[in-house]
Amino acid sequence: MFCASVVYSAGAERFDIDYFAGAHAPRFAAMLGDNCVKWEVHRALATPGAPPPPFAAAAYFWVLSAERFGADLATHGSEIYADIPNFASEQPVRGWSEVIGASA
């Protein structure tokens, strides 16, 4: 299994978490189809006594096939990237990882 992540900086001039969580992330998950077995959006919270979080929000998309993810991104990437200005003033940091351990 693999996980695609997108993280938006806490220092962004503009970021609409409601649009990100309610429209953008679900749209991307739908574009991935049944290859996407799970997705989540996280809002960063300050921890008492700790430095402020470096990000405002993150989304994680767990997929079964790296090849299908790449094909879906090639097909739908321009559409999903074009939606980013609707809720954020900057591009996210993107990550790609192999999941090597998880709980049920």
Protein backbone atom coordinates (compact mmCIF):
# COMPACT_ATOMS: atom_id res chain seq x y z
CA MET A 1 0.00 0.00 0.00
CA PHE A 2 1.07 3.59 -0.64
CA CYS A 3 0.17 6.97 0.80
CA ALA A 4 0.08 10.30 -1.01
CA SER A 5 0.19 13.31 1.28
CA VAL A 6 -0.33 17.02 0.78
CA VAL A 7 0.56 19.52 3.50
CA TYR A 8 -0.32 23.21 3.57
CA SER A 9 1.93 25.62 5.45
CA ALA A 10 0.68 27.45 8.53
CA GLY A 11 2.21 30.63 7.10
CA ALA A 12 0.01 30.75 4.02
CA GLU A 13 -1.61 34.08 3.28
CA ARG A 14 -4.93 32.35 2.58
CA PHE A 15 -6.18 28.85 3.33
CA ASP A 16 -9.82 27.69 3.55
CA ILE A 17 -9.86 24.43 5.49
CA ASP A 18 -13.61 23.98 5.00
CA TYR A 19 -13.26 23.97 1.21
CA PHE A 20 -10.15 21.79 1.41
CA ALA A 21 -11.85 19.18 3.62
CA GLY A 22 -15.35 19.41 2.19
CA ALA A 23 -14.74 19.78 -1.54
CA HIS A 24 -11.13 19.45 -2.70
CA ALA A 25 -9.97 16.32 -0.86
CA PRO A 26 -13.20 14.35 -1.53
CA ARG A 27 -12.98 15.32 -5.23
CA PHE A 28 -9.41 14.02 -5.42
CA ALA A 29 -10.35 10.79 -3.63
CA ALA A 30 -13.22 10.28 -6.09
CA MET A 31 -10.82 10.78 -9.00
CA LEU A 32 -8.69 7.96 -7.59
CA GLY A 33 -11.70 5.63 -7.62
CA ASP A 34 -11.50 2.25 -5.93
CA ASN A 35 -7.69 2.46 -5.85
CA CYS A 36 -8.14 4.88 -2.92
CA VAL A 37 -8.98 2.71 0.08
CA LYS A 38 -8.89 5.49 2.68
CA TRP A 39 -8.40 9.22 2.91
CA GLU A 40 -8.22 11.74 5.75
CA VAL A 41 -7.87 15.48 6.25
CA HIS A 42 -6.14 16.71 9.41
CA ARG A 43 -6.30 20.22 10.86
CA ALA A 44 -3.15 21.11 12.80
CA LEU A 45 -3.65 22.02 16.45
CA ALA A 46 -1.32 23.79 18.83
CA THR A 47 0.03 21.63 21.64
CA PRO A 48 0.26 23.41 25.01
CA GLY A 49 3.89 24.15 25.85
CA ALA A 50 5.15 23.22 22.38
CA PRO A 51 6.09 25.34 19.38
CA PRO A 52 3.23 26.16 16.99
CA PRO A 53 2.61 23.58 14.26
CA PRO A 54 4.43 24.27 10.96
CA PHE A 55 1.37 23.33 8.89
CA ALA A 56 -2.27 24.38 8.76
CA ALA A 57 -3.65 21.13 7.37
CA ALA A 58 -2.67 17.88 5.71
CA ALA A 59 -4.48 15.26 3.68
CA TYR A 60 -3.53 11.61 3.25
CA PHE A 61 -4.72 9.27 0.50
CA TRP A 62 -4.00 5.54 0.86
CA VAL A 63 -3.90 3.69 -2.46
CA LEU A 64 -3.30 0.08 -3.44
CA SER A 65 -1.48 0.61 -6.74
CA ALA A 66 1.29 3.11 -7.41
CA GLU A 67 0.84 2.59 -11.14
CA ARG A 68 -2.88 3.39 -11.01
CA PHE A 69 -2.20 6.42 -8.83
CA GLY A 70 0.26 7.70 -11.42
CA ALA A 71 -2.20 7.07 -14.24
CA ASP A 72 -5.02 8.81 -12.34
CA LEU A 73 -2.79 11.76 -11.56
CA ALA A 74 -1.77 12.01 -15.23
CA THR A 75 -5.45 11.97 -16.22
CA HIS A 76 -6.88 14.26 -13.52
CA GLY A 77 -3.85 16.18 -12.21
CA SER A 78 -4.42 19.38 -14.15
CA GLU A 79 -8.04 19.53 -12.90
CA ILE A 80 -7.13 18.97 -9.25
CA TYR A 81 -4.17 21.39 -9.37
CA ALA A 82 -6.38 24.04 -11.01
CA ASP A 83 -8.70 23.84 -7.98
CA ILE A 84 -5.98 24.78 -5.46
CA PRO A 85 -6.39 28.58 -5.93
CA ASN A 86 -10.02 28.18 -4.82
CA PHE A 87 -8.86 27.57 -1.24
CA ALA A 88 -5.12 28.26 -0.90
CA SER A 89 -2.70 31.02 -1.80
CA GLU A 90 0.20 28.59 -2.19
CA GLN A 91 0.96 25.10 -3.43
CA PRO A 92 1.24 22.29 -0.88
CA VAL A 93 4.24 20.19 -0.06
CA ARG A 94 3.54 16.82 -1.66
CA GLY A 95 4.79 13.48 -0.41
CA TRP A 96 4.66 9.87 -1.54
CA SER A 97 5.44 6.93 0.69
CA GLU A 98 5.15 3.18 0.97
CA VAL A 99 3.11 2.05 3.98
CA ILE A 100 5.13 -0.61 5.79
CA GLY A 101 3.11 -0.87 8.98
CA ALA A 102 -0.42 0.01 10.06
CA SER A 103 -3.15 -1.05 12.46
CA ALA A 104 -6.61 -2.16 11.42
